[in-house]
Each structure stands twice: as C-alpha cells, then as structure tokens.
PDB file of N, CA and C in Angstrom:
ATOM      1  N   MET A   1     -15.725  14.806  15.319  1.00  0.00           N
ATOM      2  CA  MET A   1     -14.377  15.040  14.774  1.00  0.00           C
ATOM      3  C   MET A   1     -13.726  13.563  14.385  1.00  0.00           C
ATOM      4  N   GLU A   2     -13.363  13.578  12.632  1.00  0.00           N
ATOM      5  CA  GLU A   2     -13.208  12.585  11.942  1.00  0.00           C
ATOM      6  C   GLU A   2     -11.760  12.859  12.165  1.00  0.00           C
ATOM      7  N   GLU A   3     -11.053  10.967  12.456  1.00  0.00           N
ATOM      8  CA  GLU A   3      -9.482  10.660  13.008  1.00  0.00           C
ATOM      9  C   GLU A   3      -8.589  10.588  11.775  1.00  0.00           C
ATOM     10  N   LYS A   4      -7.851  10.609  12.734  1.00  0.00           N
ATOM     11  CA  LYS A   4      -6.938  10.801  11.627  1.00  0.00           C
ATOM     12  C   LYS A   4      -6.132  10.082  10.586  1.00  0.00           C
ATOM     13  N   ASN A   5      -5.789   8.927  10.827  1.00  0.00           N
ATOM     14  CA  ASN A   5      -5.679   7.574  10.753  1.00  0.00           C
ATOM     15  C   ASN A   5      -6.909   6.317  11.515  1.00  0.00           C
ATOM     16  N   PRO A   6      -7.916   6.445  10.831  1.00  0.00           N
ATOM     17  CA  PRO A   6      -8.762   5.615  10.907  1.00  0.00           C
ATOM     18  C   PRO A   6      -8.350   3.958  11.278  1.00  0.00           C
ATOM     19  N   VAL A   7      -8.955   3.488  11.974  1.00  0.00           N
ATOM     20  CA  VAL A   7      -8.403   2.128  12.241  1.00  0.00           C
ATOM     21  C   VAL A   7      -9.480   0.866  12.254  1.00  0.00           C
ATOM     22  N   SER A   8      -9.011  -0.111  10.977  1.00  0.00           N
ATOM     23  CA  SER A   8     -10.195  -1.023  11.090  1.00  0.00           C
ATOM     24  C   SER A   8     -10.002  -2.078  12.059  1.00  0.00           C
ATOM     25  N   LYS A   9     -11.806  -2.525  12.140  1.00  0.00           N
ATOM     26  CA  LYS A   9     -11.392  -3.539  13.602  1.00  0.00           C
ATOM     27  C   LYS A   9     -11.886  -4.757  13.155  1.00  0.00           C
ATOM     28  N   ASN A  10     -11.546  -5.193  11.675  1.00  0.00           N
ATOM     29  CA  ASN A  10     -12.055  -6.081  10.193  1.00  0.00           C
ATOM     30  C   ASN A  10     -10.851  -6.721  10.542  1.00  0.00           C
ATOM     31  N   SER A  11     -10.431  -7.901  11.078  1.00  0.00           N
ATOM     32  CA  SER A  11      -9.159  -8.603  11.042  1.00  0.00           C
ATOM     33  C   SER A  11      -9.036  -8.702   9.582  1.00  0.00           C
ATOM     34  N   ASP A  12     -10.265  -9.446   8.871  1.00  0.00           N
ATOM     35  CA  ASP A  12      -9.854  -9.958   7.544  1.00  0.00           C
ATOM     36  C   ASP A  12      -9.345  -8.964   6.314  1.00  0.00           C
ATOM     37  N   SER A  13      -9.847  -7.797   6.355  1.00  0.00           N
ATOM     38  CA  SER A  13      -9.913  -6.406   6.060  1.00  0.00           C
ATOM     39  C   SER A  13      -8.238  -5.978   6.268  1.00  0.00           C
ATOM     40  N   ASN A  14      -7.735  -6.442   7.468  1.00  0.00           N
ATOM     41  CA  ASN A  14      -6.082  -6.003   7.950  1.00  0.00           C
ATOM     42  C   ASN A  14      -5.215  -6.795   7.067  1.00  0.00           C
ATOM     43  N   LEU A  15      -5.403  -8.045   7.030  1.00  0.00           N
ATOM     44  CA  LEU A  15      -4.545  -8.883   6.568  1.00  0.00           C
ATOM     45  C   LEU A  15      -4.704  -9.252   5.197  1.00  0.00           C
ATOM     46  N   MET A  16      -6.100  -8.327   4.227  1.00  0.00           N
ATOM     47  CA  MET A  16      -6.152  -8.133   3.129  1.00  0.00           C
ATOM     48  C   MET A  16      -4.976  -7.416   2.586  1.00  0.00           C
ATOM     49  N   GLY A  17      -5.474  -6.005   3.606  1.00  0.00           N
ATOM     50  CA  GLY A  17      -4.735  -4.787   3.120  1.00  0.00           C
ATOM     51  C   GLY A  17      -2.985  -4.825   3.097  1.00  0.00           C
ATOM     52  N   ALA A  18      -2.839  -5.416   4.103  1.00  0.00           N
ATOM     53  CA  ALA A  18      -1.670  -6.026   4.589  1.00  0.00           C
ATOM     54  C   ALA A  18      -0.636  -6.542   3.345  1.00  0.00           C
ATOM     55  N   LEU A  19      -1.629  -7.750   2.671  1.00  0.00           N
ATOM     56  CA  LEU A  19      -1.101  -8.570   1.932  1.00  0.00           C
ATOM     57  C   LEU A  19      -0.692  -7.500   0.640  1.00  0.00           C
ATOM     58  N   ALA A  20      -1.860  -6.631   0.454  1.00  0.00           N
ATOM     59  CA  ALA A  20      -1.703  -5.810  -0.915  1.00  0.00           C
ATOM     60  C   ALA A  20      -0.364  -4.977  -0.949  1.00  0.00           C
ATOM     61  N   TYR A  21       0.713  -4.975  -0.094  1.00  0.00           N
ATOM     62  CA  TYR A  21       1.572  -4.622  -0.056  1.00  0.00           C
ATOM     63  C   TYR A  21       2.938  -5.321  -1.049  1.00  0.00           C
ATOM     64  N   VAL A  22       2.456  -6.726  -1.454  1.00  0.00           N
ATOM     65  CA  VAL A  22       3.301  -7.498  -1.600  1.00  0.00           C
ATOM     66  C   VAL A  22       2.873  -7.653  -3.405  1.00  0.00           C
ATOM     67  N   TRP A  23       3.855  -6.763  -3.929  1.00  0.00           N
ATOM     68  CA  TRP A  23       3.966  -6.350  -5.061  1.00  0.00           C
ATOM     69  C   TRP A  23       2.590  -6.610  -5.936  1.00  0.00           C
ATOM     70  N   ILE A  24       2.603  -7.607  -6.716  1.00  0.00           N
ATOM     71  CA  ILE A  24       1.521  -7.736  -7.805  1.00  0.00           C
ATOM     72  C   ILE A  24       0.085  -8.272  -7.596  1.00  0.00           C
ATOM     73  N   LEU A  25       0.032  -8.551  -5.469  1.00  0.00           N
ATOM     74  CA  LEU A  25      -1.014  -8.648  -4.696  1.00  0.00           C
ATOM     75  C   LEU A  25      -1.928  -7.581  -4.611  1.00  0.00           C
ATOM     76  N   SER A  26      -0.842  -6.467  -4.920  1.00  0.00           N
ATOM     77  CA  SER A  26      -1.895  -4.819  -5.066  1.00  0.00           C
ATOM     78  C   SER A  26      -3.115  -4.956  -6.157  1.00  0.00           C
ATOM     79  N   VAL A  27      -2.489  -5.144  -6.934  1.00  0.00           N
ATOM     80  CA  VAL A  27      -3.901  -5.517  -8.358  1.00  0.00           C
ATOM     81  C   VAL A  27      -4.631  -6.727  -8.257  1.00  0.00           C
ATOM     82  N   VAL A  28      -4.521  -7.484  -7.638  1.00  0.00           N
ATOM     83  CA  VAL A  28      -5.368  -8.507  -7.053  1.00  0.00           C
ATOM     84  C   VAL A  28      -6.709  -8.004  -6.042  1.00  0.00           C
ATOM     85  N   MET A  29      -5.947  -7.410  -4.825  1.00  0.00           N
ATOM     86  CA  MET A  29      -6.832  -7.079  -4.206  1.00  0.00           C
ATOM     87  C   MET A  29      -7.590  -5.906  -4.463  1.00  0.00           C
ATOM     88  N   LEU A  30      -7.189  -5.151  -5.638  1.00  0.00           N
ATOM     89  CA  LEU A  30      -7.970  -4.422  -5.911  1.00  0.00           C
ATOM     90  C   LEU A  30      -9.454  -4.773  -6.948  1.00  0.00           C
ATOM     91  N   VAL A  31      -9.293  -5.870  -7.389  1.00  0.00           N
ATOM     92  CA  VAL A  31     -10.232  -6.240  -8.393  1.00  0.00           C
ATOM     93  C   VAL A  31     -10.928  -7.649  -7.215  1.00  0.00           C
ATOM     94  N   ILE A  32     -10.499  -8.183  -6.219  1.00  0.00           N
ATOM     95  CA  ILE A  32     -11.269  -9.003  -5.304  1.00  0.00           C
ATOM     96  C   ILE A  32     -11.937  -7.809  -4.159  1.00  0.00           C
ATOM     97  N   LYS A  33     -11.435  -7.412  -3.944  1.00  0.00           N
ATOM     98  CA  LYS A  33     -11.691  -6.519  -2.664  1.00  0.00           C
ATOM     99  C   LYS A  33     -11.988  -5.092  -3.192  1.00  0.00           C
ATOM    100  N   LYS A  34     -13.070  -4.618  -3.688  1.00  0.00           N
ATOM    101  CA  LYS A  34     -12.778  -3.850  -4.529  1.00  0.00           C
ATOM    102  C   LYS A  34     -14.555  -2.854  -3.485  1.00  0.00           C
ATOM    103  N   ASP A  35     -14.870  -3.393  -2.994  1.00  0.00           N
ATOM    104  CA  ASP A  35     -16.396  -2.720  -2.410  1.00  0.00           C
ATOM    105  C   ASP A  35     -15.907  -2.602  -1.085  1.00  0.00           C
ATOM    106  N   ASP A  36     -14.088  -2.690  -0.567  1.00  0.00           N
ATOM    107  CA  ASP A  36     -14.032  -2.774   0.937  1.00  0.00           C
ATOM    108  C   ASP A  36     -12.957  -1.408   0.994  1.00  0.00           C
ATOM    109  N   GLU A  37     -13.035   0.015   1.438  1.00  0.00           N
ATOM    110  CA  GLU A  37     -12.052   0.891   1.214  1.00  0.00           C
ATOM    111  C   GLU A  37     -10.935   0.538   2.012  1.00  0.00           C
ATOM    112  N   PHE A  38     -11.123   0.156   3.351  1.00  0.00           N
ATOM    113  CA  PHE A  38      -9.532  -0.043   3.824  1.00  0.00           C
ATOM    114  C   PHE A  38      -8.771  -0.356   2.886  1.00  0.00           C
ATOM    115  N   VAL A  39      -9.225  -1.937   2.201  1.00  0.00           N
ATOM    116  CA  VAL A  39      -8.202  -2.529   1.621  1.00  0.00           C
ATOM    117  C   VAL A  39      -8.117  -1.943   0.360  1.00  0.00           C
ATOM    118  N   LYS A  40      -8.976  -1.169  -0.197  1.00  0.00           N
ATOM    119  CA  LYS A  40      -8.853  -0.567  -1.181  1.00  0.00           C
ATOM    120  C   LYS A  40      -7.422   0.481  -1.467  1.00  0.00           C
ATOM    121  N   PHE A  41      -7.672   1.436  -0.055  1.00  0.00           N
ATOM    122  CA  PHE A  41      -6.741   2.278   0.336  1.00  0.00           C
ATOM    123  C   PHE A  41      -5.377   1.697   0.615  1.00  0.00           C
ATOM    124  N   HIS A  42      -5.249   0.647   0.780  1.00  0.00           N
ATOM    125  CA  HIS A  42      -3.794  -0.001   0.710  1.00  0.00           C
ATOM    126  C   HIS A  42      -3.363  -0.411  -0.341  1.00  0.00           C
ATOM    127  N   ALA A  43      -4.351  -1.097  -1.443  1.00  0.00           N
ATOM    128  CA  ALA A  43      -3.933  -1.995  -2.269  1.00  0.00           C
ATOM    129  C   ALA A  43      -3.415  -0.582  -3.106  1.00  0.00           C
ATOM    130  N   LYS A  44      -4.187   0.585  -3.052  1.00  0.00           N
ATOM    131  CA  LYS A  44      -3.676   1.790  -4.358  1.00  0.00           C
ATOM    132  C   LYS A  44      -1.979   2.071  -3.655  1.00  0.00           C
ATOM    133  N   GLN A  45      -1.491   1.999  -2.366  1.00  0.00           N
ATOM    134  CA  GLN A  45      -0.583   2.703  -2.373  1.00  0.00           C
ATOM    135  C   GLN A  45       0.479   1.684  -2.521  1.00  0.00           C
ATOM    136  N   GLY A  46       0.489   0.067  -2.396  1.00  0.00           N
ATOM    137  CA  GLY A  46       1.218  -1.090  -3.027  1.00  0.00           C
ATOM    138  C   GLY A  46       1.291  -1.035  -4.642  1.00  0.00           C
ATOM    139  N   LEU A  47      -0.113  -0.649  -4.988  1.00  0.00           N
ATOM    140  CA  LEU A  47       0.383  -0.667  -6.645  1.00  0.00           C
ATOM    141  C   LEU A  47       1.405   0.607  -6.898  1.00  0.00           C
ATOM    142  N   ILE A  48       1.159   1.301  -6.191  1.00  0.00           N
ATOM    143  CA  ILE A  48       2.213   2.667  -6.584  1.00  0.00           C
ATOM    144  C   ILE A  48       3.583   2.119  -6.139  1.00  0.00           C
ATOM    145  N   LEU A  49       4.047   1.443  -4.932  1.00  0.00           N
ATOM    146  CA  LEU A  49       5.061   0.921  -4.348  1.00  0.00           C
ATOM    147  C   LEU A  49       5.597  -0.228  -5.538  1.00  0.00           C
ATOM    148  N   PHE A  50       4.923  -1.338  -6.730  1.00  0.00           N
ATOM    149  CA  PHE A  50       4.743  -1.976  -6.849  1.00  0.00           C
ATOM    150  C   PHE A  50       5.803  -1.402  -8.641  1.00  0.00           C
ATOM    151  N   ILE A  51       4.762  -0.586  -9.089  1.00  0.00           N
ATOM    152  CA  ILE A  51       5.284   0.145  -9.889  1.00  0.00           C
ATOM    153  C   ILE A  51       6.531   1.158  -9.618  1.00  0.00           C
ATOM    154  N   VAL A  52       7.230   1.689  -8.660  1.00  0.00           N
ATOM    155  CA  VAL A  52       8.195   2.255  -8.544  1.00  0.00           C
ATOM    156  C   VAL A  52       9.375   1.620  -8.204  1.00  0.00           C
ATOM    157  N   SER A  53       9.240   0.354  -8.268  1.00  0.00           N
ATOM    158  CA  SER A  53       9.732  -0.974  -7.787  1.00  0.00           C
ATOM    159  C   SER A  53      10.400  -1.222  -8.759  1.00  0.00           C
ATOM    160  N   TRP A  54      10.041  -0.893 -10.088  1.00  0.00           N
ATOM    161  CA  TRP A  54      10.606  -1.239 -11.349  1.00  0.00           C
ATOM    162  C   TRP A  54      11.583  -0.580 -11.748  1.00  0.00           C
ATOM    163  N   ILE A  55      11.663   0.620 -11.029  1.00  0.00           N
ATOM    164  CA  ILE A  55      13.294   1.786 -11.165  1.00  0.00           C
ATOM    165  C   ILE A  55      13.802   0.197 -10.898  1.00  0.00           C
ATOM    166  N   GLY A  56      14.241   0.091 -10.011  1.00  0.00           N
ATOM    167  CA  GLY A  56      15.309  -1.002  -9.522  1.00  0.00           C
ATOM    168  C   GLY A  56      16.218  -1.488 -10.349  1.00  0.00           C
ATOM    169  N   ILE A  57      15.768  -1.821 -11.382  1.00  0.00           N
ATOM    170  CA  ILE A  57      16.768  -2.734 -13.084  1.00  0.00           C
ATOM    171  C   ILE A  57      17.594  -1.447 -13.199  1.00  0.00           C
ATOM    172  N   VAL A  58      17.530  -0.446 -12.789  1.00  0.00           N
ATOM    173  CA  VAL A  58      18.504   0.773 -13.131  1.00  0.00           C
ATOM    174  C   VAL A  58      19.685   0.469 -12.143  1.00  0.00           C
ATOM    175  N   PRO A  59      20.677   0.748 -12.466  1.00  0.00           N
ATOM    176  CA  PRO A  59      21.936  -0.035 -11.053  1.00  0.00           C
ATOM    177  C   PRO A  59      22.230   1.638 -10.538  1.00  0.00           C
ATOM    178  N   VAL A  60      22.172   1.157  -9.383  1.00  0.00           N
ATOM    179  CA  VAL A  60      22.514   1.969  -8.253  1.00  0.00           C
ATOM    180  C   VAL A  60      21.193   2.734  -7.959  1.00  0.00           C
ATOM    181  N   ILE A  61      21.329   4.258  -8.878  1.00  0.00           N
ATOM    182  CA  ILE A  61      20.094   4.875  -8.573  1.00  0.00           C
ATOM    183  C   ILE A  61      18.716   3.594  -7.803  1.00  0.00           C
ATOM    184  N   GLY A  62      18.109   2.762  -8.979  1.00  0.00           N
ATOM    185  CA  GLY A  62      17.505   1.853  -8.648  1.00  0.00           C
ATOM    186  C   GLY A  62      17.344   0.937  -7.305  1.00  0.00           C
ATOM    187  N   TRP A  63      18.802   0.866  -7.221  1.00  0.00           N
ATOM    188  CA  TRP A  63      18.843   0.160  -5.983  1.00  0.00           C
ATOM    189  C   TRP A  63      18.356   0.702  -4.813  1.00  0.00           C
ATOM    190  N   ILE A  64      18.957   2.124  -4.486  1.00  0.00           N
ATOM    191  CA  ILE A  64      18.599   3.253  -3.716  1.00  0.00           C
ATOM    192  C   ILE A  64      17.150   3.445  -3.785  1.00  0.00           C
ATOM    193  N   ILE A  65      16.828   3.488  -4.427  1.00  0.00           N
ATOM    194  CA  ILE A  65      15.005   3.428  -4.939  1.00  0.00           C
ATOM    195  C   ILE A  65      14.455   2.143  -4.411  1.00  0.00           C
ATOM    196  N   ASP A  66      14.774   0.529  -4.763  1.00  0.00           N
ATOM    197  CA  ASP A  66      14.285  -0.535  -4.008  1.00  0.00           C
ATOM    198  C   ASP A  66      14.567  -0.408  -2.696  1.00  0.00           C
ATOM    199  N   VAL A  67      15.391   0.379  -2.210  1.00  0.00           N
ATOM    200  CA  VAL A  67      15.564   0.092  -0.826  1.00  0.00           C
ATOM    201  C   VAL A  67      14.511   0.848  -0.242  1.00  0.00           C
ATOM    202  N   VAL A  68      14.341   1.994  -0.662  1.00  0.00           N
ATOM    203  CA  VAL A  68      13.376   2.739   0.115  1.00  0.00           C
ATOM    204  C   VAL A  68      11.649   2.057  -0.073  1.00  0.00           C
ATOM    205  N   VAL A  69      11.882   1.703  -1.316  1.00  0.00           N
ATOM    206  CA  VAL A  69      10.324   0.581  -1.461  1.00  0.00           C
ATOM    207  C   VAL A  69      10.147  -0.167  -0.463  1.00  0.00           C
ATOM    208  N   VAL A  70      11.207  -1.086  -0.169  1.00  0.00           N
ATOM    209  CA  VAL A  70      10.873  -2.385   0.762  1.00  0.00           C
ATOM    210  C   VAL A  70      11.012  -1.516   2.229  1.00  0.00           C
ATOM    211  N   LEU A  71      11.380  -0.227   2.466  1.00  0.00           N
ATOM    212  CA  LEU A  71      11.039   0.032   4.093  1.00  0.00           C
ATOM    213  C   LEU A  71       9.452   0.405   4.004  1.00  0.00           C
ATOM    214  N   PHE A  72       9.384   1.254   3.081  1.00  0.00           N
ATOM    215  CA  PHE A  72       7.717   1.740   2.886  1.00  0.00           C
ATOM    216  C   PHE A  72       6.834   0.211   2.442  1.00  0.00           C
ATOM    217  N   ILE A  73       7.147  -0.296   2.237  1.00  0.00           N
ATOM    218  CA  ILE A  73       6.074  -2.066   2.085  1.00  0.00           C
ATOM    219  C   ILE A  73       6.160  -2.536   3.142  1.00  0.00           C
ATOM    220  N   ILE A  74       7.370  -2.964   4.263  1.00  0.00           N
ATOM    221  CA  ILE A  74       7.235  -3.248   5.177  1.00  0.00           C
ATOM    222  C   ILE A  74       6.719  -1.947   6.353  1.00  0.00           C
ATOM    223  N   ILE A  75       6.671  -0.924   6.544  1.00  0.00           N
ATOM    224  CA  ILE A  75       5.821   0.411   7.089  1.00  0.00           C
ATOM    225  C   ILE A  75       4.357   0.009   6.605  1.00  0.00           C
ATOM    226  N   GLY A  76       3.725  -0.151   5.449  1.00  0.00           N
ATOM    227  CA  GLY A  76       2.700  -0.291   5.022  1.00  0.00           C
ATOM    228  C   GLY A  76       1.826  -1.231   5.530  1.00  0.00           C
ATOM    229  N   PHE A  77       2.956  -2.695   5.452  1.00  0.00           N
ATOM    230  CA  PHE A  77       2.436  -3.949   5.609  1.00  0.00           C
ATOM    231  C   PHE A  77       1.888  -4.025   7.109  1.00  0.00           C
ATOM    232  N   ILE A  78       3.076  -3.319   8.222  1.00  0.00           N
ATOM    233  CA  ILE A  78       2.696  -3.261   9.869  1.00  0.00           C
ATOM    234  C   ILE A  78       1.513  -2.300   9.655  1.00  0.00           C
ATOM    235  N   LYS A  79       0.782  -1.508   9.413  1.00  0.00           N
ATOM    236  CA  LYS A  79       0.117  -0.472   9.827  1.00  0.00           C
ATOM    237  C   LYS A  79      -0.904  -0.945   8.946  1.00  0.00           C
ATOM    238  N   ALA A  80      -1.166  -1.775   8.372  1.00  0.00           N
ATOM    239  CA  ALA A  80      -2.375  -2.367   7.280  1.00  0.00           C
ATOM    240  C   ALA A  80      -2.247  -3.694   8.254  1.00  0.00           C
ATOM    241  N   LEU A  81      -1.541  -4.363   8.837  1.00  0.00           N
ATOM    242  CA  LEU A  81      -2.246  -5.810   9.282  1.00  0.00           C
ATOM    243  C   LEU A  81      -2.692  -5.108  11.258  1.00  0.00           C
ATOM    244  N   SER A  82      -2.511  -3.937  11.346  1.00  0.00           N
ATOM    245  CA  SER A  82      -2.730  -3.299  12.891  1.00  0.00           C
ATOM    246  C   SER A  82      -3.703  -2.620  12.616  1.00  0.00           C
ATOM    247  N   GLY A  83      -4.503  -2.073  11.985  1.00  0.00           N
ATOM    248  CA  GLY A  83      -5.451  -2.007  10.980  1.00  0.00           C
ATOM    249  C   GLY A  83      -5.664  -0.569  10.839  1.00  0.00           C
ATOM    250  N   GLU A  84      -4.593   0.014  11.063  1.00  0.00           N
ATOM    251  CA  GLU A  84      -4.013   1.688  10.396  1.00  0.00           C
ATOM    252  C   GLU A  84      -4.201   1.992   9.339  1.00  0.00           C
ATOM    253  N   LYS A  85      -4.728   3.275   8.879  1.00  0.00           N
ATOM    254  CA  LYS A  85      -4.839   3.787   7.915  1.00  0.00           C
ATOM    255  C   LYS A  85      -3.686   4.713   7.619  1.00  0.00           C
ATOM    256  N   TYR A  86      -2.565   4.108   6.867  1.00  0.00           N
ATOM    257  CA  TYR A  86      -1.444   4.859   6.970  1.00  0.00           C
ATOM    258  C   TYR A  86      -1.104   5.465   5.423  1.00  0.00           C
ATOM    259  N   LYS A  87      -1.099   6.933   5.614  1.00  0.00           N
ATOM    260  CA  LYS A  87      -0.867   7.476   4.372  1.00  0.00           C
ATOM    261  C   LYS A  87       0.584   8.164   4.308  1.00  0.00           C
ATOM    262  N   ILE A  88       1.506   6.827   3.601  1.00  0.00           N
ATOM    263  CA  ILE A  88       2.976   6.912   3.436  1.00  0.00           C
ATOM    264  C   ILE A  88       3.243   7.895   2.789  1.00  0.00           C
ATOM    265  N   PRO A  89       4.132   8.862   2.839  1.00  0.00           N
ATOM    266  CA  PRO A  89       4.770  10.000   2.498  1.00  0.00           C
ATOM    267  C   PRO A  89       5.023   9.665   0.810  1.00  0.00           C
ATOM    268  N   LEU A  90       4.339  10.783  -0.094  1.00  0.00           N
ATOM    269  CA  LEU A  90       4.573  10.996  -1.624  1.00  0.00           C
ATOM    270  C   LEU A  90       3.532   9.638  -2.559  1.00  0.00           C
ATOM    271  N   VAL A  91       4.321   8.665  -1.703  1.00  0.00           N
ATOM    272  CA  VAL A  91       2.824   6.905  -2.711  1.00  0.00           C
ATOM    273  C   VAL A  91       1.249   7.441  -2.268  1.00  0.00           C
ATOM    274  N   GLY A  92       0.513   8.269  -0.605  1.00  0.00           N
ATOM    275  CA  GLY A  92      -0.305   8.026  -0.553  1.00  0.00           C
ATOM    276  C   GLY A  92      -1.243   9.179  -1.195  1.00  0.00           C
ATOM    277  N   ASP A  93      -0.085  10.214  -1.706  1.00  0.00           N
ATOM    278  CA  ASP A  93      -0.486  11.284  -2.405  1.00  0.00           C
ATOM    279  C   ASP A  93      -1.267  10.864  -3.799  1.00  0.00           C
ATOM    280  N   LEU A  94      -0.101  10.317  -4.654  1.00  0.00           N
ATOM    281  CA  LEU A  94      -0.295   9.587  -5.369  1.00  0.00           C
ATOM    282  C   LEU A  94      -1.260   8.649  -5.791  1.00  0.00           C
ATOM    283  N   ALA A  95      -1.442   7.655  -4.628  1.00  0.00           N
ATOM    284  CA  ALA A  95      -2.866   6.818  -4.688  1.00  0.00           C
ATOM    285  C   ALA A  95      -3.718   7.038  -4.595  1.00  0.00           C
ATOM    286  N   SER A  96      -3.666   8.703  -4.084  1.00  0.00           N
ATOM    287  CA  SER A  96      -4.944   9.229  -3.957  1.00  0.00           C
ATOM    288  C   SER A  96      -5.697   9.823  -5.309  1.00  0.00           C
ATOM    289  N   LYS A  97      -4.864   9.654  -5.987  1.00  0.00           N
ATOM    290  CA  LYS A  97      -5.447   9.932  -7.665  1.00  0.00           C
ATOM    291  C   LYS A  97      -5.643   8.712  -8.312  1.00  0.00           C
ATOM    292  N   ILE A  98      -5.879   7.655  -7.642  1.00  0.00           N
ATOM    293  CA  ILE A  98      -6.065   6.583  -8.521  1.00  0.00           C
ATOM    294  C   ILE A  98      -7.286   6.170  -7.981  1.00  0.00           C
ATOM    295  N   ASN A  99      -8.207   6.630  -9.434  1.00  0.00           N
ATOM    296  CA  ASN A  99     -10.168   6.424  -9.149  1.00  0.00           C
ATOM    297  C   ASN A  99     -10.470   5.533  -9.814  1.00  0.00           C
ATOM    298  N   ILE A 100     -10.529   4.002  -8.734  1.00  0.00           N
ATOM    299  CA  ILE A 100     -10.875   2.414  -9.033  1.00  0.00           C
ATOM    300  C   ILE A 100     -12.112   2.298  -7.996  1.00  0.00           C
TER     301      ILE A 100
END
C-alpha cells in the first residue's frame, strides 16, 4: 500500500527540498537536483509559490496573497526538512503539471 505522504530518509534531500521554497532557489534546485524526485517535488511547488509571489506588487490584494504565499513557504519548508512529501493545497496540483 502506498503511503499518502512518503517520507525521505536522506537528510541531504530534505535540506535541498526545504531550500527549494526560498524563492529563486526553486529554479536552482530543479537544475542541480533534477534526478532527486523528493527535491524535484518540493522545487516545483516552490517555483509556483515564487511565481505567485510576484502578484505581491499589486497593492492590497497582492499583499494578502503574499501573506498566504509566505505561510505556504513556511509549511513547505518545514515539511520538506522533516522529510515529508506534503502537497500544498492548490499549489501542489499546479506543480504536478510541470514536466521537468
């Protein structure tokens, strides 16, 4: 039976997956860790959050979206660091459509 949220036991992958949520580092992780499925999973979500964060330049609505993005970044960072493959609501669905 497949686990709902598979766990990575590789601390290097966990750290790289967590760092993938730090805006532009998502792109870096997609390039340098393209063979690591765990890192790639988190880097794709980090990339979506990075793109959405650009909406933050729009006053009021963008600021609200940025607060949500920062919360998702914190959640993703913690989940990746603990080795969990957590699919962020909405973001995870979009990220799964990225074919890299």
